């Protein structure tokens, strides 16, 4: 069973994504900020990470960059999930090490399909 780490400062979004993923057979871990997400990624080595962009403290771009630069976590695919639908954010996220980008609200089928695709790559 694959483990997905969800990093988002919104308790509502954490709960929503966690329910979607667990319903589809994934194990989940959650972190409510970038710093905690990095610690969890290093200690737990999830199969994929869902990363919010706008968070207090370390934002999702910085956290993604740190994960992609650390040999311990660089192979873990990061999917940025944000409420902002801006092409510049997508480009910036990919430059920081993300492999995909989704805009909230995310349909369950789309999310599960994307996770399966990036983990198979």
PDB file of N, CA and C in Angstrom:
ATOM      1  N   UNK A   1       0.843  -1.179   0.000  1.00  0.00           N
ATOM      2  CA  UNK A   1       0.000   0.000   0.000  1.00  0.00           C
ATOM      3  C   UNK A   1       0.887   1.241   0.000  1.00  0.00           C
ATOM      4  N   UNK A   2       0.556   2.198  -0.822  1.00  0.00           N
ATOM      5  CA  UNK A   2       1.334   3.426  -0.958  1.00  0.00           C
ATOM      6  C   UNK A   2       0.950   4.445   0.106  1.00  0.00           C
ATOM      7  N   UNK A   3       1.946   5.202   0.530  1.00  0.00           N
ATOM      8  CA  UNK A   3       1.733   6.239   1.542  1.00  0.00           C
ATOM      9  C   UNK A   3       1.892   7.609   0.897  1.00  0.00           C
ATOM     10  N   UNK A   4       0.908   8.472   1.160  1.00  0.00           N
ATOM     11  CA  UNK A   4       0.911   9.826   0.624  1.00  0.00           C
ATOM     12  C   UNK A   4       0.999  10.805   1.796  1.00  0.00           C
ATOM     13  N   UNK A   5       1.938  11.740   1.710  1.00  0.00           N
ATOM     14  CA  UNK A   5       2.068  12.807   2.701  1.00  0.00           C
ATOM     15  C   UNK A   5       1.344  14.032   2.177  1.00  0.00           C
ATOM     16  N   UNK A   6       0.397  14.540   2.952  1.00  0.00           N
ATOM     17  CA  UNK A   6      -0.379  15.725   2.583  1.00  0.00           C
ATOM     18  C   UNK A   6       0.125  16.890   3.430  1.00  0.00           C
ATOM     19  N   UNK A   7       0.618  17.943   2.775  1.00  0.00           N
ATOM     20  CA  UNK A   7       1.123  19.108   3.486  1.00  0.00           C
ATOM     21  C   UNK A   7       0.234  20.294   3.112  1.00  0.00           C
ATOM     22  N   UNK A   8      -0.562  20.751   4.074  1.00  0.00           N
ATOM     23  CA  UNK A   8      -1.518  21.841   3.833  1.00  0.00           C
ATOM     24  C   UNK A   8      -1.856  22.457   5.175  1.00  0.00           C
ATOM     25  N   UNK A   9      -1.933  23.785   5.244  1.00  0.00           N
ATOM     26  CA  UNK A   9      -2.238  24.452   6.507  1.00  0.00           C
ATOM     27  C   UNK A   9      -3.729  24.494   6.824  1.00  0.00           C
ATOM     28  N   UNK A  10      -4.576  24.086   5.889  1.00  0.00           N
ATOM     29  CA  UNK A  10      -6.023  24.107   6.117  1.00  0.00           C
ATOM     30  C   UNK A  10      -6.494  22.760   6.668  1.00  0.00           C
ATOM     31  N   UNK A  11      -7.035  22.743   7.894  1.00  0.00           N
ATOM     32  CA  UNK A  11      -7.553  21.485   8.440  1.00  0.00           C
ATOM     33  C   UNK A  11      -8.644  20.879   7.553  1.00  0.00           C
ATOM     34  N   UNK A  12      -9.437  21.736   6.921  1.00  0.00           N
ATOM     35  CA  UNK A  12     -10.496  21.257   6.034  1.00  0.00           C
ATOM     36  C   UNK A  12      -9.900  20.525   4.835  1.00  0.00           C
ATOM     37  N   UNK A  13      -8.906  21.125   4.211  1.00  0.00           N
ATOM     38  CA  UNK A  13      -8.260  20.495   3.046  1.00  0.00           C
ATOM     39  C   UNK A  13      -7.546  19.209   3.450  1.00  0.00           C
ATOM     40  N   UNK A  14      -6.853  19.224   4.585  1.00  0.00           N
ATOM     41  CA  UNK A  14      -6.190  18.004   5.060  1.00  0.00           C
ATOM     42  C   UNK A  14      -7.198  16.870   5.207  1.00  0.00           C
ATOM     43  N   UNK A  15      -8.307  17.165   5.847  1.00  0.00           N
ATOM     44  CA  UNK A  15      -9.347  16.157   6.074  1.00  0.00           C
ATOM     45  C   UNK A  15      -9.927  15.664   4.743  1.00  0.00           C
ATOM     46  N   UNK A  16     -10.216  16.587   3.839  1.00  0.00           N
ATOM     47  CA  UNK A  16     -10.785  16.237   2.542  1.00  0.00           C
ATOM     48  C   UNK A  16      -9.856  15.316   1.760  1.00  0.00           C
ATOM     49  N   UNK A  17      -8.583  15.709   1.617  1.00  0.00           N
ATOM     50  CA  UNK A  17      -7.625  14.890   0.869  1.00  0.00           C
ATOM     51  C   UNK A  17      -7.387  13.553   1.558  1.00  0.00           C
ATOM     52  N   UNK A  18      -7.297  13.576   2.863  1.00  0.00           N
ATOM     53  CA  UNK A  18      -7.076  12.334   3.610  1.00  0.00           C
ATOM     54  C   UNK A  18      -8.223  11.353   3.362  1.00  0.00           C
ATOM     55  N   UNK A  19      -9.457  11.829   3.432  1.00  0.00           N
ATOM     56  CA  UNK A  19     -10.614  10.962   3.181  1.00  0.00           C
ATOM     57  C   UNK A  19     -10.612  10.418   1.759  1.00  0.00           C
ATOM     58  N   UNK A  20     -10.351  11.289   0.775  1.00  0.00           N
ATOM     59  CA  UNK A  20     -10.308  10.850  -0.632  1.00  0.00           C
ATOM     60  C   UNK A  20      -9.294   9.720  -0.820  1.00  0.00           C
ATOM     61  N   UNK A  21      -8.109   9.943  -0.279  1.00  0.00           N
ATOM     62  CA  UNK A  21      -7.025   8.993  -0.501  1.00  0.00           C
ATOM     63  C   UNK A  21      -7.236   7.683   0.241  1.00  0.00           C
ATOM     64  N   UNK A  22      -7.657   7.766   1.488  1.00  0.00           N
ATOM     65  CA  UNK A  22      -7.876   6.541   2.253  1.00  0.00           C
ATOM     66  C   UNK A  22      -9.003   5.709   1.656  1.00  0.00           C
ATOM     67  N   UNK A  23     -10.024   6.374   1.136  1.00  0.00           N
ATOM     68  CA  UNK A  23     -11.126   5.683   0.470  1.00  0.00           C
ATOM     69  C   UNK A  23     -10.637   4.917  -0.761  1.00  0.00           C
ATOM     70  N   UNK A  24      -9.533   5.393  -1.347  1.00  0.00           N
ATOM     71  CA  UNK A  24      -8.972   4.763  -2.536  1.00  0.00           C
ATOM     72  C   UNK A  24      -7.767   3.867  -2.221  1.00  0.00           C
ATOM     73  N   UNK A  25      -7.617   3.491  -0.970  1.00  0.00           N
ATOM     74  CA  UNK A  25      -6.620   2.501  -0.592  1.00  0.00           C
ATOM     75  C   UNK A  25      -5.235   3.002  -0.252  1.00  0.00           C
ATOM     76  N   UNK A  26      -5.063   4.311  -0.125  1.00  0.00           N
ATOM     77  CA  UNK A  26      -3.761   4.858   0.243  1.00  0.00           C
ATOM     78  C   UNK A  26      -3.663   5.026   1.760  1.00  0.00           C
ATOM     79  N   UNK A  27      -2.456   4.872   2.282  1.00  0.00           N
ATOM     80  CA  UNK A  27      -2.173   5.294   3.652  1.00  0.00           C
ATOM     81  C   UNK A  27      -1.817   6.769   3.570  1.00  0.00           C
ATOM     82  N   UNK A  28      -2.132   7.529   4.609  1.00  0.00           N
ATOM     83  CA  UNK A  28      -1.835   8.958   4.573  1.00  0.00           C
ATOM     84  C   UNK A  28      -1.088   9.411   5.818  1.00  0.00           C
ATOM     85  N   UNK A  29      -0.283  10.433   5.615  1.00  0.00           N
ATOM     86  CA  UNK A  29       0.375  11.181   6.676  1.00  0.00           C
ATOM     87  C   UNK A  29       0.009  12.635   6.429  1.00  0.00           C
ATOM     88  N   UNK A  30      -0.070  13.443   7.484  1.00  0.00           N
ATOM     89  CA  UNK A  30      -0.411  14.844   7.302  1.00  0.00           C
ATOM     90  C   UNK A  30       0.562  15.747   8.050  1.00  0.00           C
ATOM     91  N   UNK A  31       0.756  16.930   7.481  1.00  0.00           N
ATOM     92  CA  UNK A  31       1.542  17.982   8.120  1.00  0.00           C
ATOM     93  C   UNK A  31       0.866  19.300   7.792  1.00  0.00           C
ATOM     94  N   UNK A  32       0.825  20.213   8.771  1.00  0.00           N
ATOM     95  CA  UNK A  32       0.114  21.471   8.548  1.00  0.00           C
ATOM     96  C   UNK A  32       1.025  22.652   8.215  1.00  0.00           C
ATOM     97  N   UNK A  33       2.297  22.370   7.928  1.00  0.00           N
ATOM     98  CA  UNK A  33       3.201  23.432   7.484  1.00  0.00           C
ATOM     99  C   UNK A  33       4.407  22.807   6.780  1.00  0.00           C
ATOM    100  N   UNK A  34       5.149  23.641   6.071  1.00  0.00           N
ATOM    101  CA  UNK A  34       6.277  23.154   5.290  1.00  0.00           C
ATOM    102  C   UNK A  34       7.376  22.512   6.112  1.00  0.00           C
ATOM    103  N   UNK A  35       7.704  23.117   7.240  1.00  0.00           N
ATOM    104  CA  UNK A  35       8.773  22.582   8.080  1.00  0.00           C
ATOM    105  C   UNK A  35       8.427  21.187   8.590  1.00  0.00           C
ATOM    106  N   UNK A  36       7.214  21.020   9.091  1.00  0.00           N
ATOM    107  CA  UNK A  36       6.772  19.719   9.587  1.00  0.00           C
ATOM    108  C   UNK A  36       6.696  18.709   8.444  1.00  0.00           C
ATOM    109  N   UNK A  37       6.267  19.166   7.276  1.00  0.00           N
ATOM    110  CA  UNK A  37       6.197  18.288   6.114  1.00  0.00           C
ATOM    111  C   UNK A  37       7.560  17.730   5.732  1.00  0.00           C
ATOM    112  N   UNK A  38       8.571  18.574   5.757  1.00  0.00           N
ATOM    113  CA  UNK A  38       9.927  18.119   5.433  1.00  0.00           C
ATOM    114  C   UNK A  38      10.385  17.078   6.459  1.00  0.00           C
ATOM    115  N   UNK A  39      10.153  17.341   7.744  1.00  0.00           N
ATOM    116  CA  UNK A  39      10.534  16.376   8.784  1.00  0.00           C
ATOM    117  C   UNK A  39       9.845  15.033   8.558  1.00  0.00           C
ATOM    118  N   UNK A  40       8.540  15.080   8.254  1.00  0.00           N
ATOM    119  CA  UNK A  40       7.794  13.843   8.010  1.00  0.00           C
ATOM    120  C   UNK A  40       8.326  13.115   6.778  1.00  0.00           C
ATOM    121  N   UNK A  41       8.636  13.861   5.726  1.00  0.00           N
ATOM    122  CA  UNK A  41       9.138  13.237   4.497  1.00  0.00           C
ATOM    123  C   UNK A  41      10.465  12.531   4.753  1.00  0.00           C
ATOM    124  N   UNK A  42      11.346  13.163   5.499  1.00  0.00           N
ATOM    125  CA  UNK A  42      12.643  12.569   5.796  1.00  0.00           C
ATOM    126  C   UNK A  42      12.489  11.317   6.661  1.00  0.00           C
ATOM    127  N   UNK A  43      11.630  11.394   7.677  1.00  0.00           N
ATOM    128  CA  UNK A  43      11.495  10.263   8.595  1.00  0.00           C
ATOM    129  C   UNK A  43      10.635   9.125   8.054  1.00  0.00           C
ATOM    130  N   UNK A  44       9.637   9.437   7.243  1.00  0.00           N
ATOM    131  CA  UNK A  44       8.685   8.414   6.797  1.00  0.00           C
ATOM    132  C   UNK A  44       8.870   7.960   5.355  1.00  0.00           C
ATOM    133  N   UNK A  45       9.547   8.753   4.551  1.00  0.00           N
ATOM    134  CA  UNK A  45       9.770   8.427   3.138  1.00  0.00           C
ATOM    135  C   UNK A  45       8.485   7.993   2.423  1.00  0.00           C
ATOM    136  N   UNK A  46       7.512   8.893   2.317  1.00  0.00           N
ATOM    137  CA  UNK A  46       6.256   8.550   1.632  1.00  0.00           C
ATOM    138  C   UNK A  46       6.505   8.284   0.145  1.00  0.00           C
ATOM    139  N   UNK A  47       5.520   7.700  -0.507  1.00  0.00           N
ATOM    140  CA  UNK A  47       5.632   7.396  -1.933  1.00  0.00           C
ATOM    141  C   UNK A  47       5.334   8.609  -2.803  1.00  0.00           C
ATOM    142  N   UNK A  48       4.605   9.583  -2.249  1.00  0.00           N
ATOM    143  CA  UNK A  48       4.234  10.797  -2.973  1.00  0.00           C
ATOM    144  C   UNK A  48       3.865  11.869  -1.951  1.00  0.00           C
ATOM    145  N   UNK A  49       4.024  13.133  -2.342  1.00  0.00           N
ATOM    146  CA  UNK A  49       3.690  14.256  -1.465  1.00  0.00           C
ATOM    147  C   UNK A  49       2.739  15.197  -2.192  1.00  0.00           C
ATOM    148  N   UNK A  50       1.668  15.586  -1.511  1.00  0.00           N
ATOM    149  CA  UNK A  50       0.774  16.644  -1.992  1.00  0.00           C
ATOM    150  C   UNK A  50       1.140  17.901  -1.221  1.00  0.00           C
ATOM    151  N   UNK A  51       1.468  18.977  -1.946  1.00  0.00           N
ATOM    152  CA  UNK A  51       2.003  20.181  -1.319  1.00  0.00           C
ATOM    153  C   UNK A  51       1.165  21.411  -1.644  1.00  0.00           C
ATOM    154  N   UNK A  52       0.640  22.056  -0.606  1.00  0.00           N
ATOM    155  CA  UNK A  52      -0.017  23.355  -0.764  1.00  0.00           C
ATOM    156  C   UNK A  52       1.074  24.404  -0.980  1.00  0.00           C
ATOM    157  N   UNK A  53       0.746  25.504  -1.627  1.00  0.00           N
ATOM    158  CA  UNK A  53       1.731  26.576  -1.838  1.00  0.00           C
ATOM    159  C   UNK A  53       1.681  27.601  -0.712  1.00  0.00           C
ATOM    160  N   UNK A  54       0.504  28.158  -0.466  1.00  0.00           N
ATOM    161  CA  UNK A  54       0.383  29.266   0.482  1.00  0.00           C
ATOM    162  C   UNK A  54       0.190  28.722   1.894  1.00  0.00           C
ATOM    163  N   UNK A  55       1.278  28.806   2.665  1.00  0.00           N
ATOM    164  CA  UNK A  55       1.260  28.374   4.068  1.00  0.00           C
ATOM    165  C   UNK A  55       2.092  29.359   4.869  1.00  0.00           C
ATOM    166  N   UNK A  56       1.769  29.538   6.142  1.00  0.00           N
ATOM    167  CA  UNK A  56       2.598  30.418   6.969  1.00  0.00           C
ATOM    168  C   UNK A  56       3.970  29.790   7.186  1.00  0.00           C
ATOM    169  N   UNK A  57       4.953  30.629   7.435  1.00  0.00           N
ATOM    170  CA  UNK A  57       6.306  30.107   7.615  1.00  0.00           C
ATOM    171  C   UNK A  57       6.879  29.734   6.249  1.00  0.00           C
ATOM    172  N   UNK A  58       7.344  28.510   6.143  1.00  0.00           N
ATOM    173  CA  UNK A  58       7.906  28.035   4.885  1.00  0.00           C
ATOM    174  C   UNK A  58       6.782  27.699   3.907  1.00  0.00           C
ATOM    175  N   UNK A  59       6.744  28.401   2.769  1.00  0.00           N
ATOM    176  CA  UNK A  59       5.688  28.116   1.798  1.00  0.00           C
ATOM    177  C   UNK A  59       5.997  26.832   1.021  1.00  0.00           C
ATOM    178  N   UNK A  60       5.046  26.406   0.226  1.00  0.00           N
ATOM    179  CA  UNK A  60       5.183  25.146  -0.502  1.00  0.00           C
ATOM    180  C   UNK A  60       6.298  25.142  -1.533  1.00  0.00           C
ATOM    181  N   UNK A  61       6.580  26.284  -2.148  1.00  0.00           N
ATOM    182  CA  UNK A  61       7.681  26.348  -3.106  1.00  0.00           C
ATOM    183  C   UNK A  61       9.011  26.069  -2.410  1.00  0.00           C
ATOM    184  N   UNK A  62       9.235  26.737  -1.279  1.00  0.00           N
ATOM    185  CA  UNK A  62      10.501  26.538  -0.537  1.00  0.00           C
ATOM    186  C   UNK A  62      10.616  25.110  -0.021  1.00  0.00           C
ATOM    187  N   UNK A  63       9.513  24.571   0.496  1.00  0.00           N
ATOM    188  CA  UNK A  63       9.542  23.193   1.005  1.00  0.00           C
ATOM    189  C   UNK A  63       9.824  22.206  -0.128  1.00  0.00           C
ATOM    190  N   UNK A  64       9.201  22.418  -1.281  1.00  0.00           N
ATOM    191  CA  UNK A  64       9.435  21.540  -2.437  1.00  0.00           C
ATOM    192  C   UNK A  64      10.893  21.611  -2.873  1.00  0.00           C
ATOM    193  N   UNK A  65      11.446  22.816  -2.912  1.00  0.00           N
ATOM    194  CA  UNK A  65      12.852  22.974  -3.294  1.00  0.00           C
ATOM    195  C   UNK A  65      13.768  22.235  -2.325  1.00  0.00           C
ATOM    196  N   UNK A  66      13.507  22.363  -1.020  1.00  0.00           N
ATOM    197  CA  UNK A  66      14.335  21.674  -0.027  1.00  0.00           C
ATOM    198  C   UNK A  66      14.242  20.158  -0.199  1.00  0.00           C
ATOM    199  N   UNK A  67      13.030  19.666  -0.427  1.00  0.00           N
ATOM    200  CA  UNK A  67      12.855  18.223  -0.620  1.00  0.00           C
ATOM    201  C   UNK A  67      13.586  17.738  -1.871  1.00  0.00           C
ATOM    202  N   UNK A  68      13.529  18.514  -2.946  1.00  0.00           N
ATOM    203  CA  UNK A  68      14.160  18.090  -4.197  1.00  0.00           C
ATOM    204  C   UNK A  68      15.687  18.170  -4.128  1.00  0.00           C
ATOM    205  N   UNK A  69      16.219  18.983  -3.220  1.00  0.00           N
ATOM    206  CA  UNK A  69      17.671  19.123  -3.090  1.00  0.00           C
ATOM    207  C   UNK A  69      18.279  18.150  -2.085  1.00  0.00           C
ATOM    208  N   UNK A  70      17.461  17.505  -1.281  1.00  0.00           N
ATOM    209  CA  UNK A  70      17.955  16.567  -0.276  1.00  0.00           C
ATOM    210  C   UNK A  70      18.002  15.164  -0.883  1.00  0.00           C
ATOM    211  N   UNK A  71      19.175  14.536  -0.923  1.00  0.00           N
ATOM    212  CA  UNK A  71      19.267  13.190  -1.507  1.00  0.00           C
ATOM    213  C   UNK A  71      18.317  12.173  -0.839  1.00  0.00           C
ATOM    214  N   UNK A  72      17.974  12.405   0.416  1.00  0.00           N
ATOM    215  CA  UNK A  72      17.079  11.482   1.124  1.00  0.00           C
ATOM    216  C   UNK A  72      15.635  11.564   0.627  1.00  0.00           C
ATOM    217  N   UNK A  73      15.249  12.705   0.035  1.00  0.00           N
ATOM    218  CA  UNK A  73      13.854  12.888  -0.376  1.00  0.00           C
ATOM    219  C   UNK A  73      13.703  13.279  -1.844  1.00  0.00           C
ATOM    220  N   UNK A  74      14.778  13.434  -2.566  1.00  0.00           N
ATOM    221  CA  UNK A  74      14.706  13.957  -3.930  1.00  0.00           C
ATOM    222  C   UNK A  74      13.942  13.048  -4.898  1.00  0.00           C
ATOM    223  N   UNK A  75      13.855  11.769  -4.602  1.00  0.00           N
ATOM    224  CA  UNK A  75      13.151  10.839  -5.506  1.00  0.00           C
ATOM    225  C   UNK A  75      11.641  10.780  -5.237  1.00  0.00           C
ATOM    226  N   UNK A  76      11.176  11.430  -4.179  1.00  0.00           N
ATOM    227  CA  UNK A  76       9.748  11.412  -3.855  1.00  0.00           C
ATOM    228  C   UNK A  76       9.036  12.431  -4.733  1.00  0.00           C
ATOM    229  N   UNK A  77       8.060  11.990  -5.545  1.00  0.00           N
ATOM    230  CA  UNK A  77       7.357  12.958  -6.392  1.00  0.00           C
ATOM    231  C   UNK A  77       6.480  13.903  -5.566  1.00  0.00           C
ATOM    232  N   UNK A  78       6.534  15.186  -5.905  1.00  0.00           N
ATOM    233  CA  UNK A  78       5.736  16.215  -5.236  1.00  0.00           C
ATOM    234  C   UNK A  78       4.723  16.772  -6.231  1.00  0.00           C
ATOM    235  N   UNK A  79       3.456  16.738  -5.835  1.00  0.00           N
ATOM    236  CA  UNK A  79       2.386  17.343  -6.619  1.00  0.00           C
ATOM    237  C   UNK A  79       1.934  18.591  -5.879  1.00  0.00           C
ATOM    238  N   UNK A  80       2.074  19.734  -6.511  1.00  0.00           N
ATOM    239  CA  UNK A  80       1.609  20.980  -5.901  1.00  0.00           C
ATOM    240  C   UNK A  80       0.105  21.088  -6.116  1.00  0.00           C
ATOM    241  N   UNK A  81      -0.602  21.375  -5.030  1.00  0.00           N
ATOM    242  CA  UNK A  81      -2.049  21.578  -5.098  1.00  0.00           C
ATOM    243  C   UNK A  81      -2.331  22.937  -4.475  1.00  0.00           C
ATOM    244  N   UNK A  82      -2.897  23.834  -5.268  1.00  0.00           N
ATOM    245  CA  UNK A  82      -3.089  25.197  -4.795  1.00  0.00           C
ATOM    246  C   UNK A  82      -4.444  25.743  -5.210  1.00  0.00           C
ATOM    247  N   UNK A  83      -4.858  26.786  -4.548  1.00  0.00           N
ATOM    248  CA  UNK A  83      -6.104  27.458  -4.897  1.00  0.00           C
ATOM    249  C   UNK A  83      -5.905  28.499  -5.982  1.00  0.00           C
ATOM    250  N   UNK A  84      -4.646  28.776  -6.327  1.00  0.00           N
ATOM    251  CA  UNK A  84      -4.353  29.790  -7.332  1.00  0.00           C
ATOM    252  C   UNK A  84      -4.123  29.122  -8.683  1.00  0.00           C
ATOM    253  N   UNK A  85      -4.852  29.569  -9.687  1.00  0.00           N
ATOM    254  CA  UNK A  85      -4.719  29.000 -11.034  1.00  0.00           C
ATOM    255  C   UNK A  85      -3.893  29.925 -11.910  1.00  0.00           C
ATOM    256  N   UNK A  86      -2.633  30.094 -11.564  1.00  0.00           N
ATOM    257  CA  UNK A  86      -1.780  30.994 -12.329  1.00  0.00           C
ATOM    258  C   UNK A  86      -0.673  30.203 -13.010  1.00  0.00           C
ATOM    259  N   UNK A  87      -0.507  30.413 -14.295  1.00  0.00           N
ATOM    260  CA  UNK A  87       0.518  29.694 -15.055  1.00  0.00           C
ATOM    261  C   UNK A  87       1.907  29.958 -14.481  1.00  0.00           C
ATOM    262  N   UNK A  88       2.156  31.165 -13.981  1.00  0.00           N
ATOM    263  CA  UNK A  88       3.473  31.462 -13.412  1.00  0.00           C
ATOM    264  C   UNK A  88       3.730  30.612 -12.177  1.00  0.00           C
ATOM    265  N   UNK A  89       2.693  30.331 -11.384  1.00  0.00           N
ATOM    266  CA  UNK A  89       2.862  29.472 -10.211  1.00  0.00           C
ATOM    267  C   UNK A  89       3.184  28.049 -10.634  1.00  0.00           C
ATOM    268  N   UNK A  90       2.535  27.575 -11.680  1.00  0.00           N
ATOM    269  CA  UNK A  90       2.809  26.228 -12.176  1.00  0.00           C
ATOM    270  C   UNK A  90       4.270  26.130 -12.624  1.00  0.00           C
ATOM    271  N   UNK A  91       4.713  27.097 -13.397  1.00  0.00           N
ATOM    272  CA  UNK A  91       6.099  27.091 -13.888  1.00  0.00           C
ATOM    273  C   UNK A  91       7.069  27.162 -12.721  1.00  0.00           C
ATOM    274  N   UNK A  92       6.799  28.051 -11.767  1.00  0.00           N
ATOM    275  CA  UNK A  92       7.672  28.206 -10.611  1.00  0.00           C
ATOM    276  C   UNK A  92       7.726  26.907  -9.802  1.00  0.00           C
ATOM    277  N   UNK A  93       6.579  26.275  -9.607  1.00  0.00           N
ATOM    278  CA  UNK A  93       6.527  25.012  -8.862  1.00  0.00           C
ATOM    279  C   UNK A  93       7.349  23.927  -9.515  1.00  0.00           C
ATOM    280  N   UNK A  94       7.268  23.836 -10.827  1.00  0.00           N
ATOM    281  CA  UNK A  94       8.039  22.828 -11.547  1.00  0.00           C
ATOM    282  C   UNK A  94       9.540  23.115 -11.437  1.00  0.00           C
ATOM    283  N   UNK A  95       9.900  24.374 -11.434  1.00  0.00           N
ATOM    284  CA  UNK A  95      11.317  24.735 -11.281  1.00  0.00           C
ATOM    285  C   UNK A  95      11.840  24.398  -9.893  1.00  0.00           C
ATOM    286  N   UNK A  96      10.968  24.321  -8.922  1.00  0.00           N
ATOM    287  CA  UNK A  96      11.386  24.004  -7.552  1.00  0.00           C
ATOM    288  C   UNK A  96      11.489  22.495  -7.319  1.00  0.00           C
ATOM    289  N   UNK A  97      11.024  21.697  -8.269  1.00  0.00           N
ATOM    290  CA  UNK A  97      11.145  20.252  -8.141  1.00  0.00           C
ATOM    291  C   UNK A  97       9.837  19.491  -8.159  1.00  0.00           C
ATOM    292  N   UNK A  98       8.718  20.184  -8.249  1.00  0.00           N
ATOM    293  CA  UNK A  98       7.428  19.485  -8.322  1.00  0.00           C
ATOM    294  C   UNK A  98       7.328  18.759  -9.659  1.00  0.00           C
ATOM    295  N   UNK A  99       6.572  17.648  -9.669  1.00  0.00           N
ATOM    296  CA  UNK A  99       6.399  16.897 -10.914  1.00  0.00           C
ATOM    297  C   UNK A  99       5.053  17.180 -11.567  1.00  0.00           C
ATOM    298  N   UNK A 100       4.101  17.689 -10.786  1.00  0.00           N
ATOM    299  CA  UNK A 100       2.774  18.017 -11.314  1.00  0.00           C
ATOM    300  C   UNK A 100       2.173  19.150 -10.505  1.00  0.00           C
ATOM    301  N   UNK A 101       1.046  19.667 -10.999  1.00  0.00           N
ATOM    302  CA  UNK A 101       0.405  20.847 -10.414  1.00  0.00           C
ATOM    303  C   UNK A 101      -1.096  20.711 -10.613  1.00  0.00           C
ATOM    304  N   UNK A 102      -1.867  20.827  -9.544  1.00  0.00           N
ATOM    305  CA  UNK A 102      -3.324  20.785  -9.607  1.00  0.00           C
ATOM    306  C   UNK A 102      -3.900  22.020  -8.918  1.00  0.00           C
ATOM    307  N   UNK A 103      -5.071  22.436  -9.382  1.00  0.00           N
ATOM    308  CA  UNK A 103      -5.750  23.596  -8.799  1.00  0.00           C
ATOM    309  C   UNK A 103      -6.977  23.114  -8.026  1.00  0.00           C
ATOM    310  N   UNK A 104      -7.115  23.613  -6.791  1.00  0.00           N
ATOM    311  CA  UNK A 104      -8.281  23.297  -5.958  1.00  0.00           C
ATOM    312  C   UNK A 104      -9.513  23.983  -6.517  1.00  0.00           C
ATOM    313  N   UNK A 105     -10.674  23.414  -6.404  1.00  0.00           N
ATOM    314  CA  UNK A 105     -10.943  22.097  -5.843  1.00  0.00           C
ATOM    315  C   UNK A 105     -10.535  20.993  -6.825  1.00  0.00           C
ATOM    316  N   UNK A 106     -10.029  19.909  -6.277  1.00  0.00           N
ATOM    317  CA  UNK A 106      -9.540  18.796  -7.080  1.00  0.00           C
ATOM    318  C   UNK A 106     -10.559  17.662  -7.014  1.00  0.00           C
ATOM    319  N   UNK A 107     -10.913  17.130  -8.167  1.00  0.00           N
ATOM    320  CA  UNK A 107     -11.826  15.991  -8.225  1.00  0.00           C
ATOM    321  C   UNK A 107     -11.079  14.741  -7.752  1.00  0.00           C
ATOM    322  N   UNK A 108     -11.767  13.919  -7.002  1.00  0.00           N
ATOM    323  CA  UNK A 108     -11.163  12.709  -6.436  1.00  0.00           C
ATOM    324  C   UNK A 108     -10.529  11.827  -7.512  1.00  0.00           C
ATOM    325  N   UNK A 109     -11.252  11.583  -8.577  1.00  0.00           N
ATOM    326  CA  UNK A 109     -10.747  10.720  -9.653  1.00  0.00           C
ATOM    327  C   UNK A 109      -9.470  11.302 -10.261  1.00  0.00           C
ATOM    328  N   UNK A 110      -9.461  12.607 -10.484  1.00  0.00           N
ATOM    329  CA  UNK A 110      -8.289  13.278 -11.052  1.00  0.00           C
ATOM    330  C   UNK A 110      -7.085  13.161 -10.121  1.00  0.00           C
ATOM    331  N   UNK A 111      -7.314  13.352  -8.831  1.00  0.00           N
ATOM    332  CA  UNK A 111      -6.239  13.277  -7.847  1.00  0.00           C
ATOM    333  C   UNK A 111      -5.636  11.878  -7.805  1.00  0.00           C
ATOM    334  N   UNK A 112      -6.474  10.877  -7.681  1.00  0.00           N
ATOM    335  CA  UNK A 112      -6.000   9.494  -7.585  1.00  0.00           C
ATOM    336  C   UNK A 112      -5.258   9.099  -8.868  1.00  0.00           C
ATOM    337  N   UNK A 113      -5.805   9.494  -9.997  1.00  0.00           N
ATOM    338  CA  UNK A 113      -5.175   9.185 -11.281  1.00  0.00           C
ATOM    339  C   UNK A 113      -3.789   9.832 -11.380  1.00  0.00           C
ATOM    340  N   UNK A 114      -3.683  11.086 -10.966  1.00  0.00           N
ATOM    341  CA  UNK A 114      -2.402  11.769 -11.045  1.00  0.00           C
ATOM    342  C   UNK A 114      -1.380  11.142 -10.097  1.00  0.00           C
ATOM    343  N   UNK A 115      -1.794  10.811  -8.886  1.00  0.00           N
ATOM    344  CA  UNK A 115      -0.885  10.176  -7.940  1.00  0.00           C
ATOM    345  C   UNK A 115      -0.365   8.864  -8.518  1.00  0.00           C
ATOM    346  N   UNK A 116      -1.256   8.051  -9.038  1.00  0.00           N
ATOM    347  CA  UNK A 116      -0.844   6.771  -9.627  1.00  0.00           C
ATOM    348  C   UNK A 116       0.113   6.985 -10.798  1.00  0.00           C
ATOM    349  N   UNK A 117      -0.138   8.010 -11.597  1.00  0.00           N
ATOM    350  CA  UNK A 117       0.727   8.291 -12.753  1.00  0.00           C
ATOM    351  C   UNK A 117       2.120   8.709 -12.319  1.00  0.00           C
ATOM    352  N   UNK A 118       2.216   9.634 -11.363  1.00  0.00           N
ATOM    353  CA  UNK A 118       3.553  10.112 -10.967  1.00  0.00           C
ATOM    354  C   UNK A 118       4.323   9.041 -10.201  1.00  0.00           C
ATOM    355  N   UNK A 119       3.633   8.171  -9.479  1.00  0.00           N
ATOM    356  CA  UNK A 119       4.352   7.111  -8.770  1.00  0.00           C
ATOM    357  C   UNK A 119       4.833   6.023  -9.733  1.00  0.00           C
ATOM    358  N   UNK A 120       4.172   5.880 -10.862  1.00  0.00           N
ATOM    359  CA  UNK A 120       4.571   4.878 -11.855  1.00  0.00           C
ATOM    360  C   UNK A 120       5.730   5.357 -12.723  1.00  0.00           C
ATOM    361  N   UNK A 121       5.959   6.662 -12.741  1.00  0.00           N
ATOM    362  CA  UNK A 121       7.008   7.223 -13.619  1.00  0.00           C
ATOM    363  C   UNK A 121       8.404   6.885 -13.126  1.00  0.00           C
TER     364      UNK A 121
END
